[in-house]
N, C-alpha and C. Protein backbone atom coordinates (compact mmCIF):
# COMPACT_ATOMS: atom_id res chain seq x y z
N UNK A 1 -40.18 -45.79 -7.63
CA UNK A 1 -39.36 -44.61 -7.55
C UNK A 1 -38.18 -44.91 -6.62
N UNK A 2 -37.03 -44.48 -7.01
CA UNK A 2 -35.83 -44.73 -6.23
C UNK A 2 -35.79 -43.81 -5.02
N UNK A 3 -35.19 -44.29 -3.96
CA UNK A 3 -35.05 -43.48 -2.76
C UNK A 3 -33.98 -42.42 -2.95
N UNK A 4 -33.95 -41.49 -2.07
CA UNK A 4 -32.95 -40.43 -2.15
C UNK A 4 -31.58 -40.99 -1.82
N UNK A 5 -30.61 -40.55 -2.58
CA UNK A 5 -29.24 -40.98 -2.29
C UNK A 5 -28.60 -40.08 -1.25
N UNK A 6 -29.04 -38.82 -1.22
CA UNK A 6 -28.55 -37.87 -0.22
C UNK A 6 -29.70 -37.52 0.70
N UNK A 7 -29.55 -37.83 1.97
CA UNK A 7 -30.60 -37.55 2.95
C UNK A 7 -30.59 -36.07 3.32
N UNK A 8 -31.77 -35.50 3.43
CA UNK A 8 -31.89 -34.11 3.86
C UNK A 8 -31.91 -34.10 5.38
N UNK A 9 -31.02 -33.34 5.98
CA UNK A 9 -30.95 -33.23 7.43
C UNK A 9 -31.27 -31.79 7.82
N UNK A 10 -32.37 -31.60 8.52
CA UNK A 10 -32.74 -30.26 8.96
C UNK A 10 -32.10 -29.98 10.31
N UNK A 11 -31.73 -28.71 10.51
CA UNK A 11 -31.21 -28.33 11.81
C UNK A 11 -32.37 -28.13 12.79
N UNK A 12 -32.05 -27.91 14.04
CA UNK A 12 -33.09 -27.80 15.08
C UNK A 12 -34.04 -26.64 14.83
N UNK A 13 -33.52 -25.53 14.35
CA UNK A 13 -34.36 -24.36 14.10
C UNK A 13 -35.38 -24.66 13.00
N UNK A 14 -34.95 -25.33 11.96
CA UNK A 14 -35.86 -25.68 10.87
C UNK A 14 -36.93 -26.65 11.33
N UNK A 15 -36.53 -27.64 12.14
CA UNK A 15 -37.50 -28.60 12.69
C UNK A 15 -38.54 -27.88 13.54
N UNK A 16 -38.08 -26.92 14.35
CA UNK A 16 -38.99 -26.17 15.21
C UNK A 16 -40.00 -25.38 14.38
N UNK A 17 -39.54 -24.77 13.28
CA UNK A 17 -40.44 -24.01 12.41
C UNK A 17 -41.47 -24.92 11.75
N UNK A 18 -41.04 -26.10 11.32
CA UNK A 18 -41.95 -27.05 10.69
C UNK A 18 -43.01 -27.50 11.70
N UNK A 19 -42.59 -27.80 12.93
CA UNK A 19 -43.54 -28.24 13.95
C UNK A 19 -44.53 -27.13 14.30
N UNK A 20 -44.04 -25.88 14.39
CA UNK A 20 -44.93 -24.76 14.68
C UNK A 20 -45.94 -24.58 13.55
N UNK A 21 -45.50 -24.74 12.31
CA UNK A 21 -46.41 -24.61 11.17
C UNK A 21 -47.48 -25.69 11.21
N UNK A 22 -47.12 -26.90 11.61
CA UNK A 22 -48.10 -27.98 11.70
C UNK A 22 -49.15 -27.68 12.77
N UNK A 23 -48.72 -27.13 13.90
CA UNK A 23 -49.66 -26.77 14.98
C UNK A 23 -50.59 -25.65 14.50
N UNK A 24 -50.03 -24.66 13.82
CA UNK A 24 -50.83 -23.54 13.31
C UNK A 24 -51.86 -24.05 12.30
N UNK A 25 -51.43 -24.96 11.41
CA UNK A 25 -52.36 -25.51 10.42
C UNK A 25 -53.50 -26.27 11.08
N UNK A 26 -53.20 -27.00 12.15
CA UNK A 26 -54.24 -27.75 12.86
C UNK A 26 -55.22 -26.81 13.55
N UNK A 27 -54.71 -25.75 14.18
CA UNK A 27 -55.60 -24.76 14.81
C UNK A 27 -56.45 -24.05 13.76
N UNK A 28 -55.85 -23.74 12.62
CA UNK A 28 -56.59 -23.09 11.54
C UNK A 28 -57.72 -24.00 11.04
N UNK A 29 -57.43 -25.28 10.91
CA UNK A 29 -58.46 -26.23 10.47
C UNK A 29 -59.60 -26.29 11.48
N UNK A 30 -59.28 -26.17 12.76
CA UNK A 30 -60.31 -26.18 13.80
C UNK A 30 -61.17 -24.93 13.69
N UNK A 31 -60.55 -23.79 13.50
CA UNK A 31 -61.29 -22.54 13.38
C UNK A 31 -62.20 -22.55 12.15
N UNK A 32 -61.73 -23.15 11.07
CA UNK A 32 -62.50 -23.20 9.84
C UNK A 32 -63.58 -24.29 9.87
N UNK A 33 -63.64 -25.07 10.95
CA UNK A 33 -64.67 -26.09 11.09
C UNK A 33 -64.37 -27.40 10.40
N UNK A 34 -63.13 -27.59 9.95
CA UNK A 34 -62.76 -28.81 9.25
C UNK A 34 -62.52 -29.97 10.21
N UNK A 35 -62.01 -29.67 11.40
CA UNK A 35 -61.79 -30.69 12.43
C UNK A 35 -62.29 -30.15 13.75
N UNK A 36 -62.47 -31.03 14.72
CA UNK A 36 -62.90 -30.62 16.06
C UNK A 36 -61.77 -30.89 17.04
N UNK A 37 -61.46 -29.89 17.83
CA UNK A 37 -60.47 -30.03 18.90
C UNK A 37 -61.15 -29.72 20.22
N UNK A 38 -60.81 -30.47 21.25
CA UNK A 38 -61.38 -30.14 22.56
C UNK A 38 -60.50 -29.11 23.24
N UNK A 39 -60.92 -28.64 24.38
CA UNK A 39 -60.24 -27.55 25.08
C UNK A 39 -58.81 -27.92 25.47
N UNK A 40 -58.58 -29.16 25.86
CA UNK A 40 -57.23 -29.55 26.27
C UNK A 40 -56.28 -29.57 25.07
N UNK A 41 -56.76 -29.93 23.88
CA UNK A 41 -55.92 -29.92 22.70
C UNK A 41 -55.56 -28.50 22.29
N UNK A 42 -56.51 -27.60 22.37
CA UNK A 42 -56.25 -26.20 22.05
C UNK A 42 -55.28 -25.61 23.06
N UNK A 43 -55.45 -25.93 24.31
CA UNK A 43 -54.55 -25.44 25.36
C UNK A 43 -53.13 -25.96 25.15
N UNK A 44 -53.00 -27.24 24.80
CA UNK A 44 -51.68 -27.81 24.55
C UNK A 44 -51.03 -27.16 23.34
N UNK A 45 -51.82 -26.89 22.30
CA UNK A 45 -51.28 -26.23 21.11
C UNK A 45 -50.79 -24.83 21.45
N UNK A 46 -51.52 -24.11 22.29
CA UNK A 46 -51.13 -22.77 22.70
C UNK A 46 -49.81 -22.81 23.47
N UNK A 47 -49.66 -23.77 24.35
CA UNK A 47 -48.43 -23.90 25.13
C UNK A 47 -47.24 -24.22 24.22
N UNK A 48 -47.44 -25.15 23.28
CA UNK A 48 -46.37 -25.51 22.36
C UNK A 48 -45.98 -24.36 21.45
N UNK A 49 -46.96 -23.60 20.99
CA UNK A 49 -46.64 -22.44 20.16
C UNK A 49 -45.90 -21.38 20.96
N UNK A 50 -46.24 -21.24 22.23
CA UNK A 50 -45.55 -20.28 23.09
C UNK A 50 -44.07 -20.62 23.24
N UNK A 51 -43.74 -21.90 23.14
CA UNK A 51 -42.34 -22.31 23.23
C UNK A 51 -41.62 -22.15 21.90
N UNK A 52 -42.36 -22.28 20.79
CA UNK A 52 -41.73 -22.24 19.47
C UNK A 52 -41.65 -20.83 18.90
N UNK A 53 -42.65 -19.99 19.19
CA UNK A 53 -42.69 -18.65 18.64
C UNK A 53 -42.58 -17.62 19.76
N UNK A 54 -41.86 -16.54 19.54
CA UNK A 54 -41.76 -15.52 20.58
C UNK A 54 -43.08 -14.78 20.75
N UNK A 55 -43.39 -14.40 21.97
CA UNK A 55 -44.58 -13.59 22.23
C UNK A 55 -44.29 -12.15 21.83
N UNK A 56 -45.29 -11.49 21.30
CA UNK A 56 -45.15 -10.09 20.96
C UNK A 56 -45.53 -9.27 22.18
N UNK A 57 -44.66 -8.36 22.55
CA UNK A 57 -44.92 -7.52 23.72
C UNK A 57 -44.77 -6.06 23.31
N UNK A 58 -45.57 -5.21 23.91
CA UNK A 58 -45.45 -3.79 23.59
C UNK A 58 -44.26 -3.21 24.35
N UNK A 59 -43.60 -2.28 23.71
CA UNK A 59 -42.43 -1.63 24.30
C UNK A 59 -42.67 -0.14 24.25
N UNK A 60 -42.42 0.52 25.37
CA UNK A 60 -42.60 1.96 25.42
C UNK A 60 -41.26 2.59 25.79
N UNK A 61 -40.82 3.51 24.95
CA UNK A 61 -39.58 4.23 25.22
C UNK A 61 -39.92 5.55 25.85
N UNK A 62 -39.17 5.92 26.87
CA UNK A 62 -39.38 7.22 27.49
C UNK A 62 -38.03 7.84 27.82
N UNK A 63 -38.04 9.14 27.89
CA UNK A 63 -36.82 9.88 28.20
C UNK A 63 -36.62 9.97 29.70
N UNK A 64 -35.87 10.96 30.09
CA UNK A 64 -35.60 11.15 31.51
C UNK A 64 -36.89 11.50 32.24
N UNK A 65 -37.02 10.99 33.43
CA UNK A 65 -38.17 11.24 34.30
C UNK A 65 -39.50 10.84 33.64
N UNK A 66 -39.47 9.91 32.70
CA UNK A 66 -40.69 9.44 32.08
C UNK A 66 -41.26 10.36 31.01
N UNK A 67 -40.54 11.44 30.69
CA UNK A 67 -41.01 12.36 29.65
C UNK A 67 -40.83 11.75 28.27
N UNK A 68 -41.48 12.34 27.29
CA UNK A 68 -41.34 11.88 25.91
C UNK A 68 -39.92 12.16 25.42
N UNK A 69 -39.48 11.36 24.50
CA UNK A 69 -38.15 11.55 23.92
C UNK A 69 -38.26 12.60 22.82
N UNK A 70 -37.37 13.58 22.87
CA UNK A 70 -37.37 14.64 21.87
C UNK A 70 -36.31 14.33 20.83
N UNK A 71 -36.71 14.44 19.58
CA UNK A 71 -35.79 14.17 18.47
C UNK A 71 -35.49 15.48 17.76
N UNK A 72 -34.22 15.65 17.44
CA UNK A 72 -33.82 16.82 16.65
C UNK A 72 -33.17 16.31 15.38
N UNK A 73 -33.60 16.83 14.26
CA UNK A 73 -33.03 16.46 13.00
C UNK A 73 -32.17 17.58 12.47
N UNK A 74 -30.97 17.25 12.05
CA UNK A 74 -30.09 18.24 11.48
C UNK A 74 -29.74 17.81 10.07
N UNK A 75 -29.92 18.71 9.14
CA UNK A 75 -29.60 18.42 7.75
C UNK A 75 -28.11 18.60 7.54
N UNK A 76 -27.53 17.65 6.83
CA UNK A 76 -26.10 17.73 6.51
C UNK A 76 -25.99 18.14 5.07
N UNK A 77 -25.28 19.24 4.86
CA UNK A 77 -25.10 19.73 3.47
C UNK A 77 -23.90 19.13 2.84
């Protein structure tokens, strides 16, 4: 088979997504019992994923003085 004449060049964001997917696949294989990972490998994978994927954090919106925000809806005719 002939080699590619045009090389595919991924940008940094695409490379980061591919690497994160590989880490996720490896952790999934460990959970499913297909491979064995020790604690340091799981810890390293968690650290690397923390750098590649944003952490989800809860956000709470509040009005003045910590009260609930009141919404008023007005119909436009």
